[in-house]
Structure formats: C-alpha cells, structure tokens
Amino acid sequence: MRSVPESAAATPGAEPAWTGPRLVALRGATSVEANERDAILTRTVEMLEALMERNQLTPADVVSAIFTVTGDLDAEFPAVAARQIGFDQVPLLCAQEIPVPGALPLVVRILMHAYAPAGFKARHVYLYEAKKLRADLEAAQ
C-alpha cells in the first residue's frame, strides 16, 4: 500500500502545500411540494442556482453531480433541471435514497464535485423543509 508523501501529509492548522485548484464536494437539498414534474424541476433549479451562487462557481467548474430523491419522487429526474441551466457537459447521475422510516419526504439532494481555488470554504445549501436535515448549517445559510 502506498503511503502519502511527507510533504503532502495534513498538519492541523497548516496551509496545504498545493496552491492550485482543488477538487471540492458540495452538498445541498431541497424539499418539493408535490410529486410533479414542474415542482421537481423548479426546486432543483433553485437549489443548483443557490449552490453555484454561494460558492461562486459556474457549470464549467463542476466535475460531476449525483442527485438523489426520496422514494416518493418519480415524476422527473432532477438532472433534467441541471441540463436546462447549462450543465450539459457535466456527468450527472440520479438515484433513490434509502427508505429510512421517518425520513423527511419529498426531498431532492445533491452531491456536487467541482474545482475551486485553494483556501475555498464550501457553502452547502439546504432549502425549505430540507433545512431540517442539517440544522447545524443554518447559520451558514
């Protein structure tokens, strides 16, 4: 098994040795009012636009995105919304969440991978009822 070179090892509080663009992961979620195509597309676009604006990114910065939906959403793929706003060159994947009893219904989630400058501070986005999923991030929104 390869080990991490000493120069690349993380030192708490130290600046990273690499000063170029970094691959970052951004999270987001939104709730949808109903299992309807327009509702899914509208809220997904809103979530994507907020994620991109808060993190000062463009679709050209995005490497890939994985969308998940709760089992009660099947009227449209969230990736369709992304394609509508310029993510046509970004690999996108949609999947269904694990059906955990008591989980928040009608939710679209995203895990987005993007290039960002060194020192970048991720700003995740949780909208509407989905804010309940990450109350610890409420102040950041």
N, C-alpha and C. Protein backbone atom coordinates (compact mmCIF):
# COMPACT_ATOMS: atom_id res chain seq x y z
N MET A 1 0.84 -1.18 0.00
CA MET A 1 0.00 0.00 0.00
C MET A 1 0.89 1.24 0.00
N ARG A 2 0.56 2.19 -0.89
CA ARG A 2 1.34 3.43 -0.96
C ARG A 2 1.03 4.31 0.22
N SER A 3 2.03 4.99 0.69
CA SER A 3 1.81 5.96 1.76
C SER A 3 1.83 7.37 1.18
N VAL A 4 1.24 8.28 1.90
CA VAL A 4 1.20 9.68 1.47
C VAL A 4 2.59 10.28 1.70
N PRO A 5 3.13 10.97 0.69
CA PRO A 5 4.43 11.61 0.89
C PRO A 5 4.37 12.57 2.08
N GLU A 6 5.46 12.66 2.81
CA GLU A 6 5.50 13.51 4.00
C GLU A 6 5.10 14.94 3.69
N SER A 7 5.50 15.44 2.52
CA SER A 7 5.18 16.82 2.15
C SER A 7 3.68 17.02 1.93
N ALA A 8 2.95 15.92 1.64
CA ALA A 8 1.52 16.02 1.38
C ALA A 8 0.68 15.69 2.60
N ALA A 9 1.30 15.22 3.66
CA ALA A 9 0.56 14.85 4.86
C ALA A 9 -0.07 16.08 5.49
N ALA A 10 -1.29 15.90 6.01
CA ALA A 10 -2.00 17.02 6.63
C ALA A 10 -1.43 17.34 8.00
N THR A 11 -1.20 18.61 8.22
CA THR A 11 -0.77 19.09 9.53
C THR A 11 -1.87 20.02 10.01
N PRO A 12 -2.46 19.72 11.17
CA PRO A 12 -3.55 20.57 11.66
C PRO A 12 -3.14 22.05 11.69
N GLY A 13 -3.99 22.89 11.09
CA GLY A 13 -3.75 24.32 11.11
C GLY A 13 -2.79 24.83 10.06
N ALA A 14 -2.12 23.91 9.35
CA ALA A 14 -1.15 24.32 8.34
C ALA A 14 -1.83 24.56 7.00
N GLU A 15 -1.29 25.46 6.22
CA GLU A 15 -1.78 25.69 4.88
C GLU A 15 -1.40 24.50 4.01
N PRO A 16 -2.27 24.10 3.06
CA PRO A 16 -1.92 22.98 2.19
C PRO A 16 -0.74 23.32 1.29
N ALA A 17 0.08 22.32 1.00
CA ALA A 17 1.24 22.53 0.14
C ALA A 17 0.80 22.88 -1.28
N TRP A 18 -0.29 22.31 -1.72
CA TRP A 18 -0.81 22.56 -3.07
C TRP A 18 -1.58 23.86 -3.09
N THR A 19 -1.22 24.77 -3.98
CA THR A 19 -1.89 26.07 -4.03
C THR A 19 -2.74 26.24 -5.27
N GLY A 20 -2.83 25.20 -6.09
CA GLY A 20 -3.65 25.26 -7.30
C GLY A 20 -5.10 24.92 -7.00
N PRO A 21 -5.90 24.78 -8.04
CA PRO A 21 -7.31 24.43 -7.85
C PRO A 21 -7.45 23.11 -7.11
N ARG A 22 -8.49 23.01 -6.30
CA ARG A 22 -8.74 21.80 -5.51
C ARG A 22 -10.09 21.22 -5.91
N LEU A 23 -10.19 19.92 -5.82
CA LEU A 23 -11.47 19.26 -6.03
C LEU A 23 -12.23 19.31 -4.71
N VAL A 24 -13.44 19.87 -4.74
CA VAL A 24 -14.24 20.00 -3.54
C VAL A 24 -15.58 19.30 -3.74
N ALA A 25 -16.21 18.95 -2.64
CA ALA A 25 -17.54 18.33 -2.67
C ALA A 25 -18.52 19.25 -1.97
N LEU A 26 -19.61 19.54 -2.63
CA LEU A 26 -20.64 20.42 -2.09
C LEU A 26 -21.93 19.64 -1.94
N ARG A 27 -22.64 19.90 -0.84
CA ARG A 27 -23.89 19.22 -0.57
C ARG A 27 -25.04 20.21 -0.62
N GLY A 28 -26.19 19.69 -0.99
CA GLY A 28 -27.39 20.51 -0.99
C GLY A 28 -28.62 19.64 -0.95
N ALA A 29 -29.71 20.23 -0.54
CA ALA A 29 -31.00 19.53 -0.53
C ALA A 29 -32.11 20.57 -0.54
N THR A 30 -33.23 20.14 -1.09
CA THR A 30 -34.42 20.97 -1.09
C THR A 30 -35.62 20.07 -0.98
N SER A 31 -36.69 20.62 -0.49
CA SER A 31 -37.94 19.86 -0.46
C SER A 31 -38.81 20.31 -1.62
N VAL A 32 -39.68 19.42 -2.03
CA VAL A 32 -40.58 19.66 -3.16
C VAL A 32 -42.01 19.59 -2.62
N GLU A 33 -42.88 20.43 -3.14
CA GLU A 33 -44.24 20.47 -2.62
C GLU A 33 -45.09 19.27 -3.01
N ALA A 34 -44.79 18.68 -4.18
CA ALA A 34 -45.59 17.54 -4.65
C ALA A 34 -44.77 16.75 -5.68
N ASN A 35 -45.15 15.52 -5.88
CA ASN A 35 -44.50 14.69 -6.87
C ASN A 35 -45.01 15.06 -8.26
N GLU A 36 -44.60 16.23 -8.71
CA GLU A 36 -45.00 16.75 -10.02
C GLU A 36 -43.75 17.23 -10.74
N ARG A 37 -43.73 17.03 -12.05
CA ARG A 37 -42.56 17.37 -12.86
C ARG A 37 -42.10 18.80 -12.63
N ASP A 38 -43.01 19.76 -12.76
CA ASP A 38 -42.63 21.17 -12.62
C ASP A 38 -42.13 21.49 -11.21
N ALA A 39 -42.72 20.88 -10.21
CA ALA A 39 -42.29 21.13 -8.83
C ALA A 39 -40.86 20.63 -8.62
N ILE A 40 -40.55 19.45 -9.15
CA ILE A 40 -39.20 18.90 -9.02
C ILE A 40 -38.19 19.76 -9.77
N LEU A 41 -38.52 20.14 -11.00
CA LEU A 41 -37.60 20.95 -11.80
C LEU A 41 -37.38 22.33 -11.19
N THR A 42 -38.44 22.98 -10.75
CA THR A 42 -38.33 24.34 -10.18
C THR A 42 -37.45 24.35 -8.94
N ARG A 43 -37.71 23.43 -8.00
CA ARG A 43 -36.93 23.42 -6.76
C ARG A 43 -35.49 22.97 -7.01
N THR A 44 -35.28 22.07 -7.97
CA THR A 44 -33.92 21.63 -8.28
C THR A 44 -33.12 22.78 -8.89
N VAL A 45 -33.71 23.52 -9.80
CA VAL A 45 -33.04 24.68 -10.38
C VAL A 45 -32.70 25.69 -9.29
N GLU A 46 -33.64 25.96 -8.40
CA GLU A 46 -33.41 26.91 -7.31
C GLU A 46 -32.24 26.46 -6.43
N MET A 47 -32.19 25.16 -6.10
CA MET A 47 -31.11 24.64 -5.28
C MET A 47 -29.77 24.76 -6.01
N LEU A 48 -29.73 24.39 -7.27
CA LEU A 48 -28.49 24.48 -8.04
C LEU A 48 -28.00 25.92 -8.16
N GLU A 49 -28.91 26.83 -8.48
CA GLU A 49 -28.52 28.23 -8.62
C GLU A 49 -27.99 28.79 -7.30
N ALA A 50 -28.61 28.42 -6.19
CA ALA A 50 -28.13 28.89 -4.88
C ALA A 50 -26.75 28.30 -4.57
N LEU A 51 -26.56 27.02 -4.87
CA LEU A 51 -25.28 26.36 -4.63
C LEU A 51 -24.17 27.01 -5.46
N MET A 52 -24.46 27.28 -6.71
CA MET A 52 -23.47 27.88 -7.60
C MET A 52 -23.17 29.33 -7.18
N GLU A 53 -24.21 30.09 -6.85
CA GLU A 53 -24.01 31.49 -6.46
C GLU A 53 -23.24 31.60 -5.14
N ARG A 54 -23.64 30.84 -4.14
CA ARG A 54 -22.99 30.92 -2.83
C ARG A 54 -21.52 30.49 -2.87
N ASN A 55 -21.20 29.65 -3.85
CA ASN A 55 -19.82 29.16 -3.95
C ASN A 55 -19.07 29.78 -5.12
N GLN A 56 -19.69 30.75 -5.78
CA GLN A 56 -19.09 31.49 -6.90
C GLN A 56 -18.52 30.54 -7.95
N LEU A 57 -19.36 29.59 -8.38
CA LEU A 57 -18.97 28.61 -9.38
C LEU A 57 -19.82 28.75 -10.63
N THR A 58 -19.33 28.20 -11.72
CA THR A 58 -20.08 28.10 -12.96
C THR A 58 -20.14 26.63 -13.34
N PRO A 59 -21.02 26.24 -14.25
CA PRO A 59 -21.05 24.84 -14.68
C PRO A 59 -19.70 24.34 -15.19
N ALA A 60 -18.88 25.22 -15.74
CA ALA A 60 -17.56 24.82 -16.23
C ALA A 60 -16.63 24.36 -15.10
N ASP A 61 -16.90 24.78 -13.87
CA ASP A 61 -16.11 24.37 -12.70
C ASP A 61 -16.52 23.00 -12.17
N VAL A 62 -17.70 22.53 -12.56
CA VAL A 62 -18.27 21.31 -11.99
C VAL A 62 -17.74 20.08 -12.71
N VAL A 63 -17.28 19.11 -11.92
CA VAL A 63 -16.74 17.85 -12.44
C VAL A 63 -17.86 16.83 -12.62
N SER A 64 -18.73 16.71 -11.63
CA SER A 64 -19.85 15.77 -11.69
C SER A 64 -20.85 16.10 -10.59
N ALA A 65 -22.03 15.52 -10.71
CA ALA A 65 -23.05 15.71 -9.68
C ALA A 65 -23.90 14.45 -9.56
N ILE A 66 -24.19 14.11 -8.33
CA ILE A 66 -25.07 12.98 -8.04
C ILE A 66 -26.30 13.52 -7.34
N PHE A 67 -27.46 13.26 -7.91
CA PHE A 67 -28.72 13.65 -7.31
C PHE A 67 -29.37 12.42 -6.70
N THR A 68 -29.99 12.59 -5.55
CA THR A 68 -30.84 11.53 -5.02
C THR A 68 -32.20 12.13 -4.72
N VAL A 69 -33.21 11.27 -4.77
CA VAL A 69 -34.57 11.68 -4.44
C VAL A 69 -35.14 10.66 -3.47
N THR A 70 -36.07 11.11 -2.64
CA THR A 70 -36.78 10.19 -1.78
C THR A 70 -37.71 9.35 -2.65
N GLY A 71 -38.11 8.20 -2.14
CA GLY A 71 -38.92 7.26 -2.91
C GLY A 71 -40.26 7.78 -3.38
N ASP A 72 -40.71 8.89 -2.81
CA ASP A 72 -42.00 9.45 -3.20
C ASP A 72 -41.89 10.43 -4.37
N LEU A 73 -40.68 10.60 -4.92
CA LEU A 73 -40.49 11.49 -6.08
C LEU A 73 -40.05 10.67 -7.30
N ASP A 74 -40.93 10.61 -8.29
CA ASP A 74 -40.59 9.89 -9.51
C ASP A 74 -41.19 10.52 -10.77
N ALA A 75 -41.64 11.77 -10.66
CA ALA A 75 -42.27 12.45 -11.80
C ALA A 75 -41.25 13.00 -12.79
N GLU A 76 -39.98 13.16 -12.36
CA GLU A 76 -38.93 13.66 -13.25
C GLU A 76 -37.57 13.44 -12.62
N PHE A 77 -36.55 13.35 -13.46
CA PHE A 77 -35.18 13.26 -12.99
C PHE A 77 -34.67 14.66 -12.65
N PRO A 78 -34.07 14.88 -11.49
CA PRO A 78 -33.51 16.19 -11.18
C PRO A 78 -32.42 16.62 -12.18
N ALA A 79 -31.73 15.68 -12.78
CA ALA A 79 -30.70 16.02 -13.75
C ALA A 79 -31.26 16.81 -14.93
N VAL A 80 -32.53 16.62 -15.24
CA VAL A 80 -33.15 17.39 -16.33
C VAL A 80 -33.07 18.88 -16.02
N ALA A 81 -33.31 19.25 -14.78
CA ALA A 81 -33.22 20.66 -14.37
C ALA A 81 -31.81 21.19 -14.55
N ALA A 82 -30.82 20.38 -14.18
CA ALA A 82 -29.42 20.80 -14.34
C ALA A 82 -29.09 21.04 -15.81
N ARG A 83 -29.55 20.15 -16.67
CA ARG A 83 -29.29 20.31 -18.11
C ARG A 83 -29.91 21.61 -18.63
N GLN A 84 -31.07 21.96 -18.09
CA GLN A 84 -31.77 23.17 -18.54
C GLN A 84 -31.01 24.45 -18.23
N ILE A 85 -30.11 24.41 -17.23
CA ILE A 85 -29.40 25.64 -16.84
C ILE A 85 -27.90 25.57 -17.12
N GLY A 86 -27.51 24.74 -18.09
CA GLY A 86 -26.13 24.79 -18.55
C GLY A 86 -25.20 23.68 -18.12
N PHE A 87 -25.71 22.63 -17.50
CA PHE A 87 -24.88 21.51 -17.07
C PHE A 87 -24.82 20.41 -18.14
N ASP A 88 -24.92 20.78 -19.40
CA ASP A 88 -24.98 19.80 -20.48
C ASP A 88 -23.66 19.05 -20.71
N GLN A 89 -22.53 19.56 -20.22
CA GLN A 89 -21.24 18.88 -20.36
C GLN A 89 -20.77 18.23 -19.06
N VAL A 90 -21.64 18.22 -18.06
CA VAL A 90 -21.30 17.68 -16.74
C VAL A 90 -21.92 16.30 -16.58
N PRO A 91 -21.13 15.29 -16.19
CA PRO A 91 -21.72 13.98 -15.92
C PRO A 91 -22.66 14.07 -14.71
N LEU A 92 -23.89 13.61 -14.89
CA LEU A 92 -24.91 13.67 -13.85
C LEU A 92 -25.49 12.28 -13.63
N LEU A 93 -25.85 12.00 -12.40
CA LEU A 93 -26.43 10.71 -12.05
C LEU A 93 -27.57 10.93 -11.07
N CYS A 94 -28.65 10.19 -11.26
CA CYS A 94 -29.78 10.25 -10.33
C CYS A 94 -29.96 8.88 -9.69
N ALA A 95 -30.32 8.89 -8.40
CA ALA A 95 -30.55 7.65 -7.66
C ALA A 95 -31.63 7.90 -6.62
N GLN A 96 -32.10 6.81 -6.03
CA GLN A 96 -33.12 6.92 -4.99
C GLN A 96 -32.48 6.72 -3.62
N GLU A 97 -32.92 7.52 -2.66
CA GLU A 97 -32.45 7.43 -1.28
C GLU A 97 -32.89 6.11 -0.64
N ILE A 98 -32.19 5.71 0.39
CA ILE A 98 -32.59 4.55 1.19
C ILE A 98 -33.90 4.89 1.89
N PRO A 99 -34.89 4.01 1.87
CA PRO A 99 -36.18 4.31 2.51
C PRO A 99 -36.14 4.14 4.03
N VAL A 100 -35.51 5.07 4.71
CA VAL A 100 -35.41 5.02 6.17
C VAL A 100 -36.74 5.45 6.79
N PRO A 101 -37.29 4.64 7.69
CA PRO A 101 -38.55 5.02 8.34
C PRO A 101 -38.42 6.38 9.04
N GLY A 102 -39.42 7.23 8.81
CA GLY A 102 -39.45 8.54 9.46
C GLY A 102 -38.62 9.61 8.76
N ALA A 103 -37.97 9.27 7.65
CA ALA A 103 -37.16 10.26 6.92
C ALA A 103 -38.04 11.34 6.32
N LEU A 104 -37.47 12.51 6.15
CA LEU A 104 -38.17 13.63 5.55
C LEU A 104 -38.60 13.26 4.12
N PRO A 105 -39.88 13.42 3.79
CA PRO A 105 -40.35 13.07 2.45
C PRO A 105 -40.12 14.20 1.44
N LEU A 106 -40.30 13.86 0.17
CA LEU A 106 -40.29 14.82 -0.93
C LEU A 106 -39.01 15.65 -0.98
N VAL A 107 -37.85 14.99 -0.93
CA VAL A 107 -36.57 15.68 -0.88
C VAL A 107 -35.69 15.31 -2.08
N VAL A 108 -35.08 16.33 -2.66
CA VAL A 108 -34.04 16.17 -3.68
C VAL A 108 -32.73 16.57 -3.04
N ARG A 109 -31.72 15.72 -3.15
CA ARG A 109 -30.39 16.01 -2.61
C ARG A 109 -29.38 16.03 -3.74
N ILE A 110 -28.26 16.70 -3.48
CA ILE A 110 -27.16 16.72 -4.46
C ILE A 110 -25.82 16.60 -3.74
N LEU A 111 -24.92 15.88 -4.38
CA LEU A 111 -23.51 15.87 -4.02
C LEU A 111 -22.78 16.30 -5.29
N MET A 112 -22.22 17.50 -5.27
CA MET A 112 -21.57 18.08 -6.45
C MET A 112 -20.07 18.14 -6.23
N HIS A 113 -19.31 17.73 -7.23
CA HIS A 113 -17.86 17.83 -7.20
C HIS A 113 -17.44 18.93 -8.16
N ALA A 114 -16.58 19.83 -7.68
CA ALA A 114 -16.18 20.97 -8.50
C ALA A 114 -14.74 21.36 -8.19
N TYR A 115 -14.13 22.07 -9.14
CA TYR A 115 -12.82 22.65 -8.89
C TYR A 115 -13.01 24.03 -8.29
N ALA A 116 -12.22 24.31 -7.26
CA ALA A 116 -12.28 25.61 -6.59
C ALA A 116 -10.86 26.02 -6.23
N PRO A 117 -10.64 27.30 -6.02
CA PRO A 117 -9.28 27.76 -5.67
C PRO A 117 -8.86 27.26 -4.28
N ALA A 118 -7.56 27.22 -4.07
CA ALA A 118 -7.03 26.85 -2.76
C ALA A 118 -7.61 27.80 -1.71
N GLY A 119 -7.88 27.29 -0.53
CA GLY A 119 -8.45 28.11 0.52
C GLY A 119 -9.96 28.25 0.44
N PHE A 120 -10.57 27.60 -0.53
CA PHE A 120 -12.02 27.66 -0.74
C PHE A 120 -12.76 27.15 0.50
N LYS A 121 -13.81 27.84 0.88
CA LYS A 121 -14.66 27.44 2.01
C LYS A 121 -16.03 27.05 1.45
N ALA A 122 -16.36 25.77 1.52
CA ALA A 122 -17.62 25.28 0.97
C ALA A 122 -18.82 25.87 1.69
N ARG A 123 -19.82 26.24 0.91
CA ARG A 123 -21.08 26.75 1.46
C ARG A 123 -22.20 25.86 0.93
N HIS A 124 -22.63 24.93 1.76
CA HIS A 124 -23.67 23.99 1.38
C HIS A 124 -25.03 24.69 1.42
N VAL A 125 -26.00 24.11 0.72
CA VAL A 125 -27.31 24.75 0.58
C VAL A 125 -28.42 23.76 0.96
N TYR A 126 -29.21 24.14 1.95
CA TYR A 126 -30.38 23.36 2.36
C TYR A 126 -31.57 24.32 2.38
N LEU A 127 -32.57 24.02 1.56
CA LEU A 127 -33.70 24.93 1.37
C LEU A 127 -35.02 24.32 1.86
N TYR A 128 -35.95 25.17 2.23
CA TYR A 128 -37.30 24.80 2.64
C TYR A 128 -37.27 23.76 3.76
N GLU A 129 -38.07 22.73 3.66
CA GLU A 129 -38.13 21.72 4.73
C GLU A 129 -36.81 20.98 4.87
N ALA A 130 -36.01 20.95 3.82
CA ALA A 130 -34.73 20.25 3.87
C ALA A 130 -33.73 20.91 4.82
N LYS A 131 -34.01 22.13 5.27
CA LYS A 131 -33.15 22.77 6.27
C LYS A 131 -33.07 21.91 7.53
N LYS A 132 -34.11 21.15 7.79
CA LYS A 132 -34.15 20.29 8.97
C LYS A 132 -33.08 19.19 8.91
N LEU A 133 -32.63 18.86 7.71
CA LEU A 133 -31.64 17.81 7.55
C LEU A 133 -30.28 18.21 8.10
N ARG A 134 -29.98 19.50 8.07
CA ARG A 134 -28.68 19.99 8.54
C ARG A 134 -28.86 21.27 9.31
N ALA A 135 -29.51 21.19 10.45
CA ALA A 135 -29.73 22.36 11.29
C ALA A 135 -28.40 22.99 11.72
N ASP A 136 -27.34 22.18 11.76
CA ASP A 136 -26.03 22.69 12.15
C ASP A 136 -25.47 23.68 11.13
N LEU A 137 -26.01 23.67 9.91
CA LEU A 137 -25.54 24.59 8.88
C LEU A 137 -26.44 25.82 8.74
N GLU A 138 -27.44 25.93 9.54
CA GLU A 138 -28.42 27.02 9.42
C GLU A 138 -27.75 28.39 9.41
N ALA A 139 -26.76 28.60 10.24
CA ALA A 139 -26.10 29.91 10.31
C ALA A 139 -25.36 30.23 9.02
N ALA A 140 -24.93 29.22 8.31
CA ALA A 140 -24.19 29.44 7.07
C ALA A 140 -25.11 29.81 5.91
N GLN A 141 -26.41 29.69 6.12
CA GLN A 141 -27.34 29.96 5.03
C GLN A 141 -27.92 31.33 5.18
